[in-house]
Amino acid sequence: MTYSDMEYLVTINLSFLEFLFFCSVILFASLVRGFSGFGFSASSVSLLSFILPPKEIVPIILLLEIIASFFMIPSIWKKINWKFVLFLLLGVLLGTPLGVHLLSILQPEFTHLIISITVLIFAFLLLRGYKNKNLNHNFSKFFVGTIAGAVNGFGTLAGLPIALYFLIIAAEPAVIRASLAALFFFTDFYALLLAYFKDILDYKIFYRTLPLIFVVPIGVSIGTKLFTGSSKESYKKYVLYFLILVSIFGLLRVLV
């Protein structure tokens, strides 16, 4: 390891092993995002919390989420359902302040418990074949977006209820993946602006993010190739198993 490498690690306040762990987590999260269109935060925040506090993790994740969406544009652009994105986005913008308010008055453990249990129930119902195409209307999109915004405000897990909604109305995998990626580009950019005005962004955040910019497209590219070779059923099962895994992990964090 050169002197400049050591100097960089000192600047970002991470050991060499912690930096390797960081890069590995981001590579895995990028792969998940490239395949499903969501799950970057759910895949990375919990793991990175072993080496960094949430306040330092979230801005990095927001920056990398935006970069991941940018690299997904060529494979998603024609499949984005902008009507879906618009109504969900309006709901998210309304629900996020509510979530932030709930965060200030409720115990985080309680809110994570409710989210995890709800996601688990619907995920198991979907595995048993439950779907309801009658929910595919503008009000339900706005309502789900509002719920997702609230969840995002107190739990940074907006992708879970939106992914469940897409599966319940039996949307096509390509539409789910593309619309989620487009939606989170806007919501993450909005959240990043809020973080900037809250003075959460600093030089250390950008220094830590810099090398990861080269990791994200690799993971996204691998995830995109896996998605291209998957069937509708295998995509649905993967997303459901991922949601179940994240929910169980969330329950364990609260209960253990």
C-alpha atoms as a PDB file:
ATOM      1  CA  MET A   1       0.000   0.000   0.000  1.00  0.00           C
ATOM      2  CA  THR A   2       1.431   3.381  -1.025  1.00  0.00           C
ATOM      3  CA  TYR A   3       1.684   6.459   1.148  1.00  0.00           C
ATOM      4  CA  SER A   4      -1.103   8.169  -0.838  1.00  0.00           C
ATOM      5  CA  ASP A   5      -3.372   5.148  -0.208  1.00  0.00           C
ATOM      6  CA  MET A   6      -2.705   5.359   3.511  1.00  0.00           C
ATOM      7  CA  GLU A   7      -3.298   9.103   3.444  1.00  0.00           C
ATOM      8  CA  TYR A   8      -6.657   8.536   1.721  1.00  0.00           C
ATOM      9  CA  LEU A   9      -7.736   5.983   4.355  1.00  0.00           C
ATOM     10  CA  VAL A  10      -6.818   8.435   7.105  1.00  0.00           C
ATOM     11  CA  THR A  11      -8.864  11.151   5.357  1.00  0.00           C
ATOM     12  CA  ILE A  12     -11.991   8.974   5.158  1.00  0.00           C
ATOM     13  CA  ASN A  13     -11.370   7.574   8.655  1.00  0.00           C
ATOM     14  CA  LEU A  14     -11.577   3.905   7.653  1.00  0.00           C
ATOM     15  CA  SER A  15      -9.124   1.025   7.951  1.00  0.00           C
ATOM     16  CA  PHE A  16      -8.103  -0.928   4.843  1.00  0.00           C
ATOM     17  CA  LEU A  17     -10.365  -3.874   5.810  1.00  0.00           C
ATOM     18  CA  GLU A  18     -13.289  -1.525   6.515  1.00  0.00           C
ATOM     19  CA  PHE A  19     -12.781   0.091   3.115  1.00  0.00           C
ATOM     20  CA  LEU A  20     -12.803  -3.336   1.394  1.00  0.00           C
ATOM     21  CA  PHE A  21     -15.975  -4.246   3.307  1.00  0.00           C
ATOM     22  CA  PHE A  22     -17.516  -0.926   2.242  1.00  0.00           C
ATOM     23  CA  CYS A  23     -16.731  -1.574  -1.445  1.00  0.00           C
ATOM     24  CA  SER A  24     -18.043  -5.168  -1.249  1.00  0.00           C
ATOM     25  CA  VAL A  25     -21.360  -4.048   0.273  1.00  0.00           C
ATOM     26  CA  ILE A  26     -21.813  -1.340  -2.378  1.00  0.00           C
ATOM     27  CA  LEU A  27     -21.011  -3.842  -5.163  1.00  0.00           C
ATOM     28  CA  PHE A  28     -23.671  -6.228  -3.835  1.00  0.00           C
ATOM     29  CA  ALA A  29     -26.215  -3.403  -3.371  1.00  0.00           C
ATOM     30  CA  SER A  30     -25.554  -2.175  -6.936  1.00  0.00           C
ATOM     31  CA  LEU A  31     -26.150  -5.686  -8.279  1.00  0.00           C
ATOM     32  CA  VAL A  32     -29.474  -5.871  -6.405  1.00  0.00           C
ATOM     33  CA  ARG A  33     -30.443  -2.425  -7.754  1.00  0.00           C
ATOM     34  CA  GLY A  34     -29.462  -3.335 -11.311  1.00  0.00           C
ATOM     35  CA  PHE A  35     -31.585  -6.470 -11.179  1.00  0.00           C
ATOM     36  CA  SER A  36     -34.700  -5.287  -9.333  1.00  0.00           C
ATOM     37  CA  GLY A  37     -34.749  -1.480  -9.673  1.00  0.00           C
ATOM     38  CA  PHE A  38     -34.749  -0.990  -5.895  1.00  0.00           C
ATOM     39  CA  GLY A  39     -33.140  -2.421  -2.758  1.00  0.00           C
ATOM     40  CA  PHE A  40     -29.900  -0.437  -2.762  1.00  0.00           C
ATOM     41  CA  SER A  41     -30.544   1.145   0.647  1.00  0.00           C
ATOM     42  CA  ALA A  42     -32.082  -1.995   2.131  1.00  0.00           C
ATOM     43  CA  SER A  43     -29.039  -4.001   1.012  1.00  0.00           C
ATOM     44  CA  SER A  44     -26.416  -1.593   2.271  1.00  0.00           C
ATOM     45  CA  VAL A  45     -27.511   0.564   5.215  1.00  0.00           C
ATOM     46  CA  SER A  46     -27.874  -2.269   7.734  1.00  0.00           C
ATOM     47  CA  LEU A  47     -24.516  -3.818   6.787  1.00  0.00           C
ATOM     48  CA  LEU A  48     -22.635  -0.510   6.700  1.00  0.00           C
ATOM     49  CA  SER A  49     -23.993   0.374  10.147  1.00  0.00           C
ATOM     50  CA  PHE A  50     -21.398  -2.046  11.526  1.00  0.00           C
ATOM     51  CA  ILE A  51     -18.624   0.391  10.587  1.00  0.00           C
ATOM     52  CA  LEU A  52     -20.336   3.801  10.302  1.00  0.00           C
ATOM     53  CA  PRO A  53     -23.169   5.714  12.039  1.00  0.00           C
ATOM     54  CA  PRO A  54     -26.391   6.177   9.984  1.00  0.00           C
ATOM     55  CA  LYS A  55     -25.854   9.935   9.696  1.00  0.00           C
ATOM     56  CA  GLU A  56     -22.668   9.265   7.710  1.00  0.00           C
ATOM     57  CA  ILE A  57     -24.105   6.374   5.679  1.00  0.00           C
ATOM     58  CA  VAL A  58     -27.326   7.898   4.324  1.00  0.00           C
ATOM     59  CA  PRO A  59     -25.788  10.801   2.303  1.00  0.00           C
ATOM     60  CA  ILE A  60     -23.345   8.366   0.647  1.00  0.00           C
ATOM     61  CA  ILE A  61     -26.183   6.001  -0.230  1.00  0.00           C
ATOM     62  CA  LEU A  62     -28.253   8.861  -1.674  1.00  0.00           C
ATOM     63  CA  LEU A  63     -25.363   9.922  -3.918  1.00  0.00           C
ATOM     64  CA  LEU A  64     -24.739   6.357  -5.074  1.00  0.00           C
ATOM     65  CA  GLU A  65     -28.476   5.698  -5.644  1.00  0.00           C
ATOM     66  CA  ILE A  66     -28.566   8.643  -8.056  1.00  0.00           C
ATOM     67  CA  ILE A  67     -25.461   7.337  -9.838  1.00  0.00           C
ATOM     68  CA  ALA A  68     -26.999   3.829 -10.038  1.00  0.00           C
ATOM     69  CA  SER A  69     -30.191   5.235 -11.601  1.00  0.00           C
ATOM     70  CA  PHE A  70     -28.088   7.188 -14.116  1.00  0.00           C
ATOM     71  CA  PHE A  71     -26.242   4.040 -15.245  1.00  0.00           C
ATOM     72  CA  MET A  72     -29.550   2.172 -15.571  1.00  0.00           C
ATOM     73  CA  ILE A  73     -31.060   4.726 -17.987  1.00  0.00           C
ATOM     74  CA  PRO A  74     -30.107   2.893 -21.234  1.00  0.00           C
ATOM     75  CA  SER A  75     -31.840  -0.309 -20.131  1.00  0.00           C
ATOM     76  CA  ILE A  76     -34.963   1.243 -18.531  1.00  0.00           C
ATOM     77  CA  TRP A  77     -35.905   4.399 -20.428  1.00  0.00           C
ATOM     78  CA  LYS A  78     -38.440   2.851 -22.818  1.00  0.00           C
ATOM     79  CA  LYS A  79     -40.044   0.813 -20.037  1.00  0.00           C
ATOM     80  CA  ILE A  80     -40.694   3.631 -17.534  1.00  0.00           C
ATOM     81  CA  ASN A  81     -44.395   4.191 -16.799  1.00  0.00           C
ATOM     82  CA  TRP A  82     -44.304   7.952 -16.183  1.00  0.00           C
ATOM     83  CA  LYS A  83     -47.927   8.038 -14.999  1.00  0.00           C
ATOM     84  CA  PHE A  84     -47.028   5.553 -12.264  1.00  0.00           C
ATOM     85  CA  VAL A  85     -43.943   7.584 -11.374  1.00  0.00           C
ATOM     86  CA  LEU A  86     -45.839  10.905 -11.225  1.00  0.00           C
ATOM     87  CA  PHE A  87     -48.599   9.783  -8.841  1.00  0.00           C
ATOM     88  CA  LEU A  88     -46.202   7.810  -6.648  1.00  0.00           C
ATOM     89  CA  LEU A  89     -43.822  10.798  -6.534  1.00  0.00           C
ATOM     90  CA  LEU A  90     -46.606  13.176  -5.500  1.00  0.00           C
ATOM     91  CA  GLY A  91     -47.506  10.782  -2.691  1.00  0.00           C
ATOM     92  CA  VAL A  92     -43.873  10.418  -1.597  1.00  0.00           C
ATOM     93  CA  LEU A  93     -43.434  14.209  -1.457  1.00  0.00           C
ATOM     94  CA  LEU A  94     -46.535  14.482   0.735  1.00  0.00           C
ATOM     95  CA  GLY A  95     -45.739  11.500   2.951  1.00  0.00           C
ATOM     96  CA  THR A  96     -42.069  12.212   3.663  1.00  0.00           C
ATOM     97  CA  PRO A  97     -42.666  15.169   6.046  1.00  0.00           C
ATOM     98  CA  LEU A  98     -45.238  13.001   7.852  1.00  0.00           C
ATOM     99  CA  GLY A  99     -42.627  10.276   8.244  1.00  0.00           C
ATOM    100  CA  VAL A 100     -40.086  12.753   9.583  1.00  0.00           C
ATOM    101  CA  HIS A 101     -42.679  13.948  12.115  1.00  0.00           C
ATOM    102  CA  LEU A 102     -43.462  10.359  13.154  1.00  0.00           C
ATOM    103  CA  LEU A 103     -39.747   9.772  13.582  1.00  0.00           C
ATOM    104  CA  SER A 104     -39.669  12.572  16.147  1.00  0.00           C
ATOM    105  CA  ILE A 105     -42.555  11.208  18.241  1.00  0.00           C
ATOM    106  CA  LEU A 106     -42.386   7.415  17.820  1.00  0.00           C
ATOM    107  CA  GLN A 107     -39.729   4.927  18.851  1.00  0.00           C
ATOM    108  CA  PRO A 108     -37.721   3.834  15.749  1.00  0.00           C
ATOM    109  CA  GLU A 109     -37.932   0.203  16.922  1.00  0.00           C
ATOM    110  CA  PHE A 110     -41.737   0.364  16.889  1.00  0.00           C
ATOM    111  CA  THR A 111     -41.945   1.815  13.369  1.00  0.00           C
ATOM    112  CA  HIS A 112     -39.447  -0.732  11.978  1.00  0.00           C
ATOM    113  CA  LEU A 113     -41.457  -3.509  13.629  1.00  0.00           C
ATOM    114  CA  ILE A 114     -44.690  -2.358  11.948  1.00  0.00           C
ATOM    115  CA  ILE A 115     -42.998  -2.039   8.540  1.00  0.00           C
ATOM    116  CA  SER A 116     -41.356  -5.460   8.758  1.00  0.00           C
ATOM    117  CA  ILE A 117     -44.523  -7.272   9.874  1.00  0.00           C
ATOM    118  CA  THR A 118     -46.651  -5.592   7.163  1.00  0.00           C
ATOM    119  CA  VAL A 119     -44.167  -6.422   4.404  1.00  0.00           C
ATOM    120  CA  LEU A 120     -43.872 -10.024   5.615  1.00  0.00           C
ATOM    121  CA  ILE A 121     -47.648 -10.545   5.594  1.00  0.00           C
ATOM    122  CA  PHE A 122     -48.092  -9.217   2.043  1.00  0.00           C
ATOM    123  CA  ALA A 123     -44.973 -10.990   0.753  1.00  0.00           C
ATOM    124  CA  PHE A 124     -46.281 -14.355   1.974  1.00  0.00           C
ATOM    125  CA  LEU A 125     -49.714 -13.592   0.477  1.00  0.00           C
ATOM    126  CA  LEU A 126     -48.058 -12.821  -2.862  1.00  0.00           C
ATOM    127  CA  LEU A 127     -46.087 -16.065  -2.712  1.00  0.00           C
ATOM    128  CA  ARG A 128     -49.435 -17.845  -2.382  1.00  0.00           C
ATOM    129  CA  GLY A 129     -50.639 -16.150  -5.562  1.00  0.00           C
ATOM    130  CA  TYR A 130     -52.509 -13.105  -4.213  1.00  0.00           C
ATOM    131  CA  LYS A 131     -52.984 -10.226  -6.666  1.00  0.00           C
ATOM    132  CA  ASN A 132     -55.529  -7.475  -7.176  1.00  0.00           C
ATOM    133  CA  LYS A 133     -55.468  -5.602 -10.485  1.00  0.00           C
ATOM    134  CA  ASN A 134     -58.438  -3.489  -9.321  1.00  0.00           C
ATOM    135  CA  LEU A 135     -55.967  -1.476  -7.234  1.00  0.00           C
ATOM    136  CA  ASN A 136     -54.301  -0.210 -10.408  1.00  0.00           C
ATOM    137  CA  HIS A 137     -55.738   3.331 -10.350  1.00  0.00           C
ATOM    138  CA  ASN A 138     -54.404   6.809  -9.662  1.00  0.00           C
ATOM    139  CA  PHE A 139     -55.715   7.155  -6.101  1.00  0.00           C
ATOM    140  CA  SER A 140     -54.084   3.909  -4.985  1.00  0.00           C
ATOM    141  CA  LYS A 141     -50.795   4.996  -6.590  1.00  0.00           C
ATOM    142  CA  PHE A 142     -50.945   8.302  -4.721  1.00  0.00           C
ATOM    143  CA  PHE A 143     -51.910   6.505  -1.476  1.00  0.00           C
ATOM    144  CA  VAL A 144     -49.077   3.974  -1.794  1.00  0.00           C
ATOM    145  CA  GLY A 145     -46.683   6.819  -2.609  1.00  0.00           C
ATOM    146  CA  THR A 146     -47.791   8.634   0.560  1.00  0.00           C
ATOM    147  CA  ILE A 147     -47.239   5.486   2.654  1.00  0.00           C
ATOM    148  CA  ALA A 148     -43.836   5.012   1.009  1.00  0.00           C
ATOM    149  CA  GLY A 149     -42.937   8.636   1.739  1.00  0.00           C
ATOM    150  CA  ALA A 150     -43.872   8.207   5.398  1.00  0.00           C
ATOM    151  CA  VAL A 151     -41.879   4.979   5.584  1.00  0.00           C
ATOM    152  CA  ASN A 152     -38.973   6.757   3.907  1.00  0.00           C
ATOM    153  CA  GLY A 153     -39.188   9.562   6.461  1.00  0.00           C
ATOM    154  CA  PHE A 154     -38.817   7.295   9.476  1.00  0.00           C
ATOM    155  CA  GLY A 155     -37.267   4.162   8.050  1.00  0.00           C
ATOM    156  CA  THR A 156     -35.493   4.817   4.681  1.00  0.00           C
ATOM    157  CA  LEU A 157     -37.333   1.808   3.203  1.00  0.00           C
ATOM    158  CA  ALA A 158     -39.648   3.434   0.642  1.00  0.00           C
ATOM    159  CA  GLY A 159     -38.915   0.741  -1.924  1.00  0.00           C
ATOM    160  CA  LEU A 160     -40.603  -2.010   0.074  1.00  0.00           C
ATOM    161  CA  PRO A 161     -44.267  -0.835  -0.049  1.00  0.00           C
ATOM    162  CA  ILE A 162     -43.920   0.366  -3.670  1.00  0.00           C
ATOM    163  CA  ALA A 163     -42.404  -2.931  -4.826  1.00  0.00           C
ATOM    164  CA  LEU A 164     -45.199  -4.812  -3.042  1.00  0.00           C
ATOM    165  CA  TYR A 165     -47.818  -2.618  -4.737  1.00  0.00           C
ATOM    166  CA  PHE A 166     -46.367  -3.300  -8.193  1.00  0.00           C
ATOM    167  CA  LEU A 167     -46.417  -7.046  -7.503  1.00  0.00           C
ATOM    168  CA  ILE A 168     -49.994  -6.959  -6.145  1.00  0.00           C
ATOM    169  CA  ILE A 169     -51.303  -5.311  -9.326  1.00  0.00           C
ATOM    170  CA  ALA A 170     -49.277  -7.820 -11.386  1.00  0.00           C
ATOM    171  CA  ALA A 171     -47.207  -5.207 -13.258  1.00  0.00           C
ATOM    172  CA  GLU A 172     -44.629  -6.446 -15.737  1.00  0.00           C
ATOM    173  CA  PRO A 173     -41.128  -6.924 -14.223  1.00  0.00           C
ATOM    174  CA  ALA A 174     -39.527  -4.564 -16.767  1.00  0.00           C
ATOM    175  CA  VAL A 175     -42.060  -1.846 -15.864  1.00  0.00           C
ATOM    176  CA  ILE A 176     -41.520  -2.405 -12.126  1.00  0.00           C
ATOM    177  CA  ARG A 177     -37.749  -2.217 -12.456  1.00  0.00           C
ATOM    178  CA  ALA A 178     -37.729   0.835 -14.735  1.00  0.00           C
ATOM    179  CA  SER A 179     -40.386   2.834 -12.859  1.00  0.00           C
ATOM    180  CA  LEU A 180     -38.796   2.201  -9.454  1.00  0.00           C
ATOM    181  CA  ALA A 181     -35.371   3.277 -10.715  1.00  0.00           C
ATOM    182  CA  ALA A 182     -36.824   6.466 -12.220  1.00  0.00           C
ATOM    183  CA  LEU A 183     -38.852   7.250  -9.093  1.00  0.00           C
ATOM    184  CA  PHE A 184     -35.901   6.854  -6.753  1.00  0.00           C
ATOM    185  CA  PHE A 185     -33.736   9.094  -8.931  1.00  0.00           C
ATOM    186  CA  PHE A 186     -36.092  11.989  -8.157  1.00  0.00           C
ATOM    187  CA  THR A 187     -36.759  11.123  -4.500  1.00  0.00           C
ATOM    188  CA  ASP A 188     -33.055  10.598  -3.736  1.00  0.00           C
ATOM    189  CA  PHE A 189     -32.137  13.873  -5.423  1.00  0.00           C
ATOM    190  CA  TYR A 190     -34.814  15.614  -3.323  1.00  0.00           C
ATOM    191  CA  ALA A 191     -33.507  13.984  -0.139  1.00  0.00           C
ATOM    192  CA  LEU A 192     -29.925  14.912  -1.054  1.00  0.00           C
ATOM    193  CA  LEU A 193     -30.928  18.568  -1.395  1.00  0.00           C
ATOM    194  CA  LEU A 194     -32.533  18.424   2.048  1.00  0.00           C
ATOM    195  CA  ALA A 195     -29.364  16.846   3.439  1.00  0.00           C
ATOM    196  CA  TYR A 196     -27.296  19.651   1.905  1.00  0.00           C
ATOM    197  CA  PHE A 197     -29.377  22.373   3.526  1.00  0.00           C
ATOM    198  CA  LYS A 198     -29.223  20.482   6.829  1.00  0.00           C
ATOM    199  CA  ASP A 199     -25.388  20.597   6.620  1.00  0.00           C
ATOM    200  CA  ILE A 200     -25.166  16.789   6.625  1.00  0.00           C
ATOM    201  CA  LEU A 201     -22.903  16.734   3.552  1.00  0.00           C
ATOM    202  CA  ASP A 202     -19.214  17.363   4.147  1.00  0.00           C
ATOM    203  CA  TYR A 203     -15.861  16.701   2.445  1.00  0.00           C
ATOM    204  CA  LYS A 204     -15.531  13.267   4.089  1.00  0.00           C
ATOM    205  CA  ILE A 205     -18.804  12.120   2.468  1.00  0.00           C
ATOM    206  CA  PHE A 206     -17.539  13.051  -0.999  1.00  0.00           C
ATOM    207  CA  TYR A 207     -14.115  11.484  -0.400  1.00  0.00           C
ATOM    208  CA  ARG A 208     -15.755   8.220   0.694  1.00  0.00           C
ATOM    209  CA  THR A 209     -18.107   8.277  -2.304  1.00  0.00           C
ATOM    210  CA  LEU A 210     -15.452   8.984  -4.944  1.00  0.00           C
ATOM    211  CA  PRO A 211     -13.951   5.460  -5.399  1.00  0.00           C
ATOM    212  CA  LEU A 212     -17.393   3.881  -5.103  1.00  0.00           C
ATOM    213  CA  ILE A 213     -18.489   5.707  -8.252  1.00  0.00           C
ATOM    214  CA  PHE A 214     -16.428   3.111 -10.155  1.00  0.00           C
ATOM    215  CA  VAL A 215     -17.914   0.192  -8.175  1.00  0.00           C
ATOM    216  CA  VAL A 216     -21.587   1.044  -8.780  1.00  0.00           C
ATOM    217  CA  PRO A 217     -21.657   0.632 -12.611  1.00  0.00           C
ATOM    218  CA  ILE A 218     -20.004  -2.792 -12.294  1.00  0.00           C
ATOM    219  CA  GLY A 219     -22.718  -4.034  -9.933  1.00  0.00           C
ATOM    220  CA  VAL A 220     -25.504  -2.411 -11.974  1.00  0.00           C
ATOM    221  CA  SER A 221     -24.168  -3.993 -15.178  1.00  0.00           C
ATOM    222  CA  ILE A 222     -24.089  -7.480 -13.599  1.00  0.00           C
ATOM    223  CA  GLY A 223     -27.593  -6.992 -12.164  1.00  0.00           C
ATOM    224  CA  THR A 224     -28.922  -5.815 -15.537  1.00  0.00           C
ATOM    225  CA  LYS A 225     -27.533  -8.910 -17.275  1.00  0.00           C
ATOM    226  CA  LEU A 226     -29.129 -11.150 -14.629  1.00  0.00           C
ATOM    227  CA  PHE A 227     -32.472  -9.373 -15.122  1.00  0.00           C
ATOM    228  CA  THR A 228     -32.289  -9.748 -18.917  1.00  0.00           C
ATOM    229  CA  GLY A 229     -31.873 -13.496 -18.526  1.00  0.00           C
ATOM    230  CA  SER A 230     -34.644 -13.941 -15.945  1.00  0.00           C
ATOM    231  CA  SER A 231     -38.301 -14.865 -16.436  1.00  0.00           C
ATOM    232  CA  LYS A 232     -41.301 -13.030 -14.998  1.00  0.00           C
ATOM    233  CA  GLU A 233     -41.823 -15.692 -12.332  1.00  0.00           C
ATOM    234  CA  SER A 234     -38.177 -15.855 -11.289  1.00  0.00           C
ATOM    235  CA  TYR A 235     -38.096 -12.046 -10.998  1.00  0.00           C
ATOM    236  CA  LYS A 236     -41.198 -12.062  -8.808  1.00  0.00           C
ATOM    237  CA  LYS A 237     -39.824 -14.798  -6.562  1.00  0.00           C
ATOM    238  CA  TYR A 238     -36.468 -13.067  -6.226  1.00  0.00           C
ATOM    239  CA  VAL A 239     -38.103  -9.763  -5.211  1.00  0.00           C
ATOM    240  CA  LEU A 240     -40.413 -11.481  -2.725  1.00  0.00           C
ATOM    241  CA  TYR A 241     -37.618 -13.495  -1.122  1.00  0.00           C
ATOM    242  CA  PHE A 242     -35.522 -10.339  -0.919  1.00  0.00           C
ATOM    243  CA  LEU A 243     -38.388  -8.455   0.774  1.00  0.00           C
ATOM    244  CA  ILE A 244     -38.889 -11.328   3.220  1.00  0.00           C
ATOM    245  CA  LEU A 245     -35.168 -11.457   4.018  1.00  0.00           C
ATOM    246  CA  VAL A 246     -34.976  -7.696   4.635  1.00  0.00           C
ATOM    247  CA  SER A 247     -38.111  -7.841   6.816  1.00  0.00           C
ATOM    248  CA  ILE A 248     -36.808 -10.745   8.906  1.00  0.00           C
ATOM    249  CA  PHE A 249     -33.506  -8.930   9.351  1.00  0.00           C
ATOM    250  CA  GLY A 250     -35.466  -5.851  10.453  1.00  0.00           C
ATOM    251  CA  LEU A 251     -37.441  -7.914  12.980  1.00  0.00           C
ATOM    252  CA  LEU A 252     -34.257  -9.434  14.374  1.00  0.00           C
ATOM    253  CA  ARG A 253     -32.706  -5.998  14.807  1.00  0.00           C
ATOM    254  CA  VAL A 254     -35.730  -4.898  16.850  1.00  0.00           C
ATOM    255  CA  LEU A 255     -36.374  -8.066  18.869  1.00  0.00           C
ATOM    256  CA  VAL A 256     -32.861  -9.370  19.575  1.00  0.00           C
END
